[in-house]
PDB file of N, CA and C in Angstrom:
ATOM      1  N   GLU A   1       2.912 -19.360   3.234  1.00  0.00           N
ATOM      2  CA  GLU A   1       3.881 -19.850   4.282  1.00  0.00           C
ATOM      3  C   GLU A   1       5.165 -19.213   4.205  1.00  0.00           C
ATOM      4  N   ASN A   2       5.749 -19.119   3.060  1.00  0.00           N
ATOM      5  CA  ASN A   2       7.147 -18.456   2.915  1.00  0.00           C
ATOM      6  C   ASN A   2       7.019 -17.053   3.307  1.00  0.00           C
ATOM      7  N   MET A   3       5.817 -16.294   2.857  1.00  0.00           N
ATOM      8  CA  MET A   3       5.812 -15.001   2.985  1.00  0.00           C
ATOM      9  C   MET A   3       5.789 -14.691   4.565  1.00  0.00           C
ATOM     10  N   ARG A   4       5.077 -15.460   5.255  1.00  0.00           N
ATOM     11  CA  ARG A   4       4.909 -15.362   6.706  1.00  0.00           C
ATOM     12  C   ARG A   4       6.362 -15.340   7.401  1.00  0.00           C
ATOM     13  N   ARG A   5       7.186 -16.323   6.887  1.00  0.00           N
ATOM     14  CA  ARG A   5       8.554 -16.528   7.526  1.00  0.00           C
ATOM     15  C   ARG A   5       9.323 -15.268   7.152  1.00  0.00           C
ATOM     16  N   GLU A   6       9.080 -14.718   5.952  1.00  0.00           N
ATOM     17  CA  GLU A   6       9.809 -13.496   5.511  1.00  0.00           C
ATOM     18  C   GLU A   6       9.374 -12.265   6.280  1.00  0.00           C
ATOM     19  N   GLY A   7       8.368 -12.229   7.135  1.00  0.00           N
ATOM     20  CA  GLY A   7       7.855 -11.075   7.817  1.00  0.00           C
ATOM     21  C   GLY A   7       6.630 -10.431   7.182  1.00  0.00           C
ATOM     22  N   TYR A   8       5.978 -11.020   6.096  1.00  0.00           N
ATOM     23  CA  TYR A   8       4.925 -10.298   5.487  1.00  0.00           C
ATOM     24  C   TYR A   8       3.514 -10.780   6.153  1.00  0.00           C
ATOM     25  N   GLU A   9       2.544  -9.957   6.186  1.00  0.00           N
ATOM     26  CA  GLU A   9       1.352 -10.276   6.725  1.00  0.00           C
ATOM     27  C   GLU A   9       0.162  -9.834   5.671  1.00  0.00           C
ATOM     28  N   LEU A  10      -0.751 -10.664   5.452  1.00  0.00           N
ATOM     29  CA  LEU A  10      -1.873 -10.377   4.517  1.00  0.00           C
ATOM     30  C   LEU A  10      -3.098 -10.476   5.151  1.00  0.00           C
ATOM     31  N   ALA A  11      -4.086  -9.682   4.797  1.00  0.00           N
ATOM     32  CA  ALA A  11      -5.396  -9.684   5.221  1.00  0.00           C
ATOM     33  C   ALA A  11      -6.322  -9.685   3.959  1.00  0.00           C
ATOM     34  N   VAL A  12      -7.214 -10.749   3.894  1.00  0.00           N
ATOM     35  CA  VAL A  12      -7.985 -10.850   2.755  1.00  0.00           C
ATOM     36  C   VAL A  12      -9.463 -10.580   3.049  1.00  0.00           C
ATOM     37  N   SER A  13     -10.214  -9.813   2.515  1.00  0.00           N
ATOM     38  CA  SER A  13     -11.636  -9.605   2.872  1.00  0.00           C
ATOM     39  C   SER A  13     -12.486  -9.617   1.596  1.00  0.00           C
ATOM     40  N   ARG A  14     -13.745  -9.498   1.760  1.00  0.00           N
ATOM     41  CA  ARG A  14     -14.745  -9.527   0.632  1.00  0.00           C
ATOM     42  C   ARG A  14     -14.467  -8.245  -0.167  1.00  0.00           C
ATOM     43  N   PRO A  15     -14.633  -8.190  -1.468  1.00  0.00           N
ATOM     44  CA  PRO A  15     -14.547  -6.986  -2.293  1.00  0.00           C
ATOM     45  C   PRO A  15     -15.624  -6.089  -2.040  1.00  0.00           C
ATOM     46  N   GLU A  16     -15.281  -4.843  -2.070  1.00  0.00           N
ATOM     47  CA  GLU A  16     -16.342  -3.786  -1.748  1.00  0.00           C
ATOM     48  C   GLU A  16     -16.096  -2.655  -2.740  1.00  0.00           C
ATOM     49  N   VAL A  17     -17.151  -1.885  -2.933  1.00  0.00           N
ATOM     50  CA  VAL A  17     -17.061  -0.712  -3.884  1.00  0.00           C
ATOM     51  C   VAL A  17     -16.583   0.471  -3.110  1.00  0.00           C
ATOM     52  N   ILE A  18     -15.561   1.004  -3.515  1.00  0.00           N
ATOM     53  CA  ILE A  18     -14.948   2.347  -2.869  1.00  0.00           C
ATOM     54  C   ILE A  18     -15.643   3.514  -3.532  1.00  0.00           C
ATOM     55  N   VAL A  19     -16.403   4.203  -2.750  1.00  0.00           N
ATOM     56  CA  VAL A  19     -17.006   5.433  -3.251  1.00  0.00           C
ATOM     57  C   VAL A  19     -16.272   6.667  -3.087  1.00  0.00           C
ATOM     58  N   LEU A  20     -15.903   7.465  -4.111  1.00  0.00           N
ATOM     59  CA  LEU A  20     -15.219   8.549  -4.033  1.00  0.00           C
ATOM     60  C   LEU A  20     -16.261   9.785  -4.000  1.00  0.00           C
ATOM     61  N   GLU A  21     -16.063  10.737  -3.156  1.00  0.00           N
ATOM     62  CA  GLU A  21     -16.937  11.928  -3.101  1.00  0.00           C
ATOM     63  C   GLU A  21     -16.229  13.131  -3.854  1.00  0.00           C
ATOM     64  N   ILE A  22     -16.985  13.749  -4.755  1.00  0.00           N
ATOM     65  CA  ILE A  22     -16.401  14.869  -5.402  1.00  0.00           C
ATOM     66  C   ILE A  22     -17.449  16.003  -5.218  1.00  0.00           C
ATOM     67  N   ASP A  23     -17.146  17.136  -4.569  1.00  0.00           N
ATOM     68  CA  ASP A  23     -17.930  18.114  -4.286  1.00  0.00           C
ATOM     69  C   ASP A  23     -19.173  17.651  -3.539  1.00  0.00           C
ATOM     70  N   GLY A  24     -18.943  16.745  -2.609  1.00  0.00           N
ATOM     71  CA  GLY A  24     -20.092  16.176  -1.808  1.00  0.00           C
ATOM     72  C   GLY A  24     -21.009  15.138  -2.470  1.00  0.00           C
ATOM     73  N   GLU A  25     -20.829  14.925  -3.723  1.00  0.00           N
ATOM     74  CA  GLU A  25     -21.486  14.002  -4.494  1.00  0.00           C
ATOM     75  C   GLU A  25     -20.967  12.651  -4.498  1.00  0.00           C
ATOM     76  N   PRO A  26     -21.392  11.479  -4.258  1.00  0.00           N
ATOM     77  CA  PRO A  26     -20.772  10.242  -4.417  1.00  0.00           C
ATOM     78  C   PRO A  26     -20.609   9.801  -5.856  1.00  0.00           C
ATOM     79  N   CYS A  27     -19.492   9.334  -6.132  1.00  0.00           N
ATOM     80  CA  CYS A  27     -19.191   8.987  -7.587  1.00  0.00           C
ATOM     81  C   CYS A  27     -18.675   7.553  -7.561  1.00  0.00           C
ATOM     82  N   GLU A  28     -19.303   6.737  -8.122  1.00  0.00           N
ATOM     83  CA  GLU A  28     -18.992   5.308  -8.287  1.00  0.00           C
ATOM     84  C   GLU A  28     -17.889   5.015  -9.385  1.00  0.00           C
ATOM     85  N   PRO A  29     -17.036   4.038  -9.120  1.00  0.00           N
ATOM     86  CA  PRO A  29     -16.049   3.721 -10.298  1.00  0.00           C
ATOM     87  C   PRO A  29     -16.904   3.144 -11.402  1.00  0.00           C
ATOM     88  N   TYR A  30     -16.349   3.144 -12.588  1.00  0.00           N
ATOM     89  CA  TYR A  30     -17.060   2.709 -13.823  1.00  0.00           C
ATOM     90  C   TYR A  30     -15.865   2.294 -14.851  1.00  0.00           C
ATOM     91  N   GLU A  31     -16.336   1.543 -15.679  1.00  0.00           N
ATOM     92  CA  GLU A  31     -15.291   0.999 -16.642  1.00  0.00           C
ATOM     93  C   GLU A  31     -15.986   1.139 -18.182  1.00  0.00           C
ATOM     94  N   GLN A  32     -15.136   1.289 -19.183  1.00  0.00           N
ATOM     95  CA  GLN A  32     -15.643   1.332 -20.452  1.00  0.00           C
ATOM     96  C   GLN A  32     -15.436   0.008 -21.128  1.00  0.00           C
ATOM     97  N   LEU A  33     -16.374  -0.525 -21.681  1.00  0.00           N
ATOM     98  CA  LEU A  33     -16.509  -1.788 -22.236  1.00  0.00           C
ATOM     99  C   LEU A  33     -16.803  -1.805 -23.800  1.00  0.00           C
ATOM    100  N   THR A  34     -16.093  -2.703 -24.596  1.00  0.00           N
ATOM    101  CA  THR A  34     -16.462  -2.841 -25.891  1.00  0.00           C
ATOM    102  C   THR A  34     -16.744  -4.331 -26.093  1.00  0.00           C
ATOM    103  N   VAL A  35     -17.975  -4.575 -26.734  1.00  0.00           N
ATOM    104  CA  VAL A  35     -18.559  -5.982 -26.846  1.00  0.00           C
ATOM    105  C   VAL A  35     -18.656  -6.239 -28.293  1.00  0.00           C
ATOM    106  N   ASP A  36     -18.140  -7.322 -28.762  1.00  0.00           N
ATOM    107  CA  ASP A  36     -18.182  -7.750 -30.274  1.00  0.00           C
ATOM    108  C   ASP A  36     -18.983  -9.087 -30.349  1.00  0.00           C
ATOM    109  N   VAL A  37     -20.226  -9.007 -30.714  1.00  0.00           N
ATOM    110  CA  VAL A  37     -21.049 -10.347 -30.745  1.00  0.00           C
ATOM    111  C   VAL A  37     -21.795 -10.512 -32.015  1.00  0.00           C
ATOM    112  N   GLU A  38     -22.297 -11.768 -32.128  1.00  0.00           N
ATOM    113  CA  GLU A  38     -22.973 -11.916 -33.403  1.00  0.00           C
ATOM    114  C   GLU A  38     -24.401 -11.130 -33.083  1.00  0.00           C
ATOM    115  N   GLU A  39     -25.117 -10.809 -34.223  1.00  0.00           N
ATOM    116  CA  GLU A  39     -26.315  -9.915 -34.178  1.00  0.00           C
ATOM    117  C   GLU A  39     -27.423 -10.647 -33.475  1.00  0.00           C
ATOM    118  N   GLN A  40     -27.440 -12.013 -33.557  1.00  0.00           N
ATOM    119  CA  GLN A  40     -28.535 -12.659 -32.964  1.00  0.00           C
ATOM    120  C   GLN A  40     -28.507 -12.767 -31.487  1.00  0.00           C
ATOM    121  N   HIS A  41     -27.257 -12.411 -30.914  1.00  0.00           N
ATOM    122  CA  HIS A  41     -27.089 -12.407 -29.374  1.00  0.00           C
ATOM    123  C   HIS A  41     -27.018 -11.006 -28.738  1.00  0.00           C
ATOM    124  N   GLN A  42     -27.196  -9.920 -29.647  1.00  0.00           N
ATOM    125  CA  GLN A  42     -27.120  -8.622 -29.159  1.00  0.00           C
ATOM    126  C   GLN A  42     -28.285  -8.275 -28.101  1.00  0.00           C
ATOM    127  N   GLY A  43     -29.454  -8.718 -28.250  1.00  0.00           N
ATOM    128  CA  GLY A  43     -30.488  -8.483 -27.353  1.00  0.00           C
ATOM    129  C   GLY A  43     -30.246  -9.003 -26.010  1.00  0.00           C
ATOM    130  N   ALA A  44     -29.791 -10.247 -25.948  1.00  0.00           N
ATOM    131  CA  ALA A  44     -29.519 -10.907 -24.592  1.00  0.00           C
ATOM    132  C   ALA A  44     -28.359 -10.060 -23.895  1.00  0.00           C
ATOM    133  N   ILE A  45     -27.257  -9.718 -24.658  1.00  0.00           N
ATOM    134  CA  ILE A  45     -26.167  -9.059 -24.202  1.00  0.00           C
ATOM    135  C   ILE A  45     -26.655  -7.620 -23.555  1.00  0.00           C
ATOM    136  N   MET A  46     -27.494  -6.994 -24.378  1.00  0.00           N
ATOM    137  CA  MET A  46     -27.887  -5.658 -24.031  1.00  0.00           C
ATOM    138  C   MET A  46     -28.738  -5.734 -22.664  1.00  0.00           C
ATOM    139  N   GLU A  47     -29.544  -6.857 -22.666  1.00  0.00           N
ATOM    140  CA  GLU A  47     -30.423  -6.922 -21.358  1.00  0.00           C
ATOM    141  C   GLU A  47     -29.463  -7.100 -20.209  1.00  0.00           C
ATOM    142  N   LYS A  48     -28.450  -7.930 -20.267  1.00  0.00           N
ATOM    143  CA  LYS A  48     -27.607  -8.235 -19.136  1.00  0.00           C
ATOM    144  C   LYS A  48     -26.889  -6.975 -18.706  1.00  0.00           C
ATOM    145  N   LEU A  49     -26.402  -6.182 -19.747  1.00  0.00           N
ATOM    146  CA  LEU A  49     -25.704  -4.928 -19.433  1.00  0.00           C
ATOM    147  C   LEU A  49     -26.666  -3.958 -18.797  1.00  0.00           C
ATOM    148  N   GLY A  50     -27.939  -3.951 -19.212  1.00  0.00           N
ATOM    149  CA  GLY A  50     -28.834  -3.020 -18.724  1.00  0.00           C
ATOM    150  C   GLY A  50     -29.079  -3.350 -17.149  1.00  0.00           C
ATOM    151  N   GLU A  51     -29.014  -4.652 -16.878  1.00  0.00           N
ATOM    152  CA  GLU A  51     -29.309  -4.998 -15.413  1.00  0.00           C
ATOM    153  C   GLU A  51     -28.267  -4.364 -14.541  1.00  0.00           C
ATOM    154  N   ARG A  52     -26.955  -4.197 -15.138  1.00  0.00           N
ATOM    155  CA  ARG A  52     -25.894  -3.588 -14.357  1.00  0.00           C
ATOM    156  C   ARG A  52     -25.689  -2.172 -14.662  1.00  0.00           C
ATOM    157  N   ARG A  53     -26.736  -1.523 -15.009  1.00  0.00           N
ATOM    158  CA  ARG A  53     -26.796  -0.073 -15.367  1.00  0.00           C
ATOM    159  C   ARG A  53     -25.728   0.385 -16.340  1.00  0.00           C
ATOM    160  N   GLY A  54     -25.550  -0.517 -17.376  1.00  0.00           N
ATOM    161  CA  GLY A  54     -24.800  -0.186 -18.433  1.00  0.00           C
ATOM    162  C   GLY A  54     -25.410   0.879 -19.437  1.00  0.00           C
ATOM    163  N   GLU A  55     -24.548   1.771 -19.918  1.00  0.00           N
ATOM    164  CA  GLU A  55     -24.985   2.729 -20.856  1.00  0.00           C
ATOM    165  C   GLU A  55     -24.522   2.578 -22.320  1.00  0.00           C
ATOM    166  N   LEU A  56     -25.241   2.453 -23.252  1.00  0.00           N
ATOM    167  CA  LEU A  56     -24.941   2.249 -24.594  1.00  0.00           C
ATOM    168  C   LEU A  56     -24.431   3.612 -25.138  1.00  0.00           C
ATOM    169  N   LEU A  57     -23.176   3.751 -25.673  1.00  0.00           N
ATOM    170  CA  LEU A  57     -22.803   4.978 -26.310  1.00  0.00           C
ATOM    171  C   LEU A  57     -22.827   4.909 -27.842  1.00  0.00           C
ATOM    172  N   ASP A  58     -22.522   3.627 -28.308  1.00  0.00           N
ATOM    173  CA  ASP A  58     -22.504   3.548 -29.766  1.00  0.00           C
ATOM    174  C   ASP A  58     -22.592   2.092 -30.199  1.00  0.00           C
ATOM    175  N   MET A  59     -23.242   1.921 -31.404  1.00  0.00           N
ATOM    176  CA  MET A  59     -23.389   0.440 -31.825  1.00  0.00           C
ATOM    177  C   MET A  59     -23.087   0.410 -33.359  1.00  0.00           C
ATOM    178  N   GLN A  60     -22.272  -0.327 -33.795  1.00  0.00           N
ATOM    179  CA  GLN A  60     -21.868  -0.307 -35.296  1.00  0.00           C
ATOM    180  C   GLN A  60     -21.906  -1.881 -35.895  1.00  0.00           C
ATOM    181  N   PRO A  61     -22.750  -2.096 -36.731  1.00  0.00           N
ATOM    182  CA  PRO A  61     -22.750  -3.440 -37.421  1.00  0.00           C
ATOM    183  C   PRO A  61     -21.516  -3.534 -38.373  1.00  0.00           C
ATOM    184  N   ASP A  62     -20.912  -4.694 -38.498  1.00  0.00           N
ATOM    185  CA  ASP A  62     -19.796  -4.848 -39.483  1.00  0.00           C
ATOM    186  C   ASP A  62     -20.306  -5.295 -40.786  1.00  0.00           C
ATOM    187  N   GLY A  63     -21.494  -5.581 -41.064  1.00  0.00           N
ATOM    188  CA  GLY A  63     -22.016  -6.002 -42.377  1.00  0.00           C
ATOM    189  C   GLY A  63     -21.801  -7.461 -42.647  1.00  0.00           C
ATOM    190  N   LYS A  64     -21.269  -8.187 -41.617  1.00  0.00           N
ATOM    191  CA  LYS A  64     -20.986  -9.623 -41.754  1.00  0.00           C
ATOM    192  C   LYS A  64     -21.651 -10.455 -40.646  1.00  0.00           C
ATOM    193  N   GLY A  65     -22.748  -9.803 -39.974  1.00  0.00           N
ATOM    194  CA  GLY A  65     -23.475 -10.545 -39.047  1.00  0.00           C
ATOM    195  C   GLY A  65     -23.028 -10.285 -37.610  1.00  0.00           C
ATOM    196  N   ARG A  66     -22.127  -9.292 -37.521  1.00  0.00           N
ATOM    197  CA  ARG A  66     -21.696  -9.192 -36.117  1.00  0.00           C
ATOM    198  C   ARG A  66     -21.865  -7.691 -35.755  1.00  0.00           C
ATOM    199  N   VAL A  67     -21.931  -7.259 -34.503  1.00  0.00           N
ATOM    200  CA  VAL A  67     -22.246  -5.903 -33.958  1.00  0.00           C
ATOM    201  C   VAL A  67     -21.161  -5.516 -32.994  1.00  0.00           C
ATOM    202  N   ARG A  68     -20.578  -4.430 -33.028  1.00  0.00           N
ATOM    203  CA  ARG A  68     -19.610  -3.859 -32.006  1.00  0.00           C
ATOM    204  C   ARG A  68     -20.111  -2.686 -31.473  1.00  0.00           C
TER     205      ARG A  68
END
């Protein structure tokens, strides 16, 4: 309400993926993720990330029952 009185206007919409084209090829945005979990949960986590087209680059156990 205060912003409206000060002359600001906002428009809120549903989130959408902004696709960038490089040399005519669509390129979606991506993020780098580091996950630190107990070894017993790594299978479920990998399954969930795979559903979102996650790509595993490296996996290192810490020797204490956790994987990163």
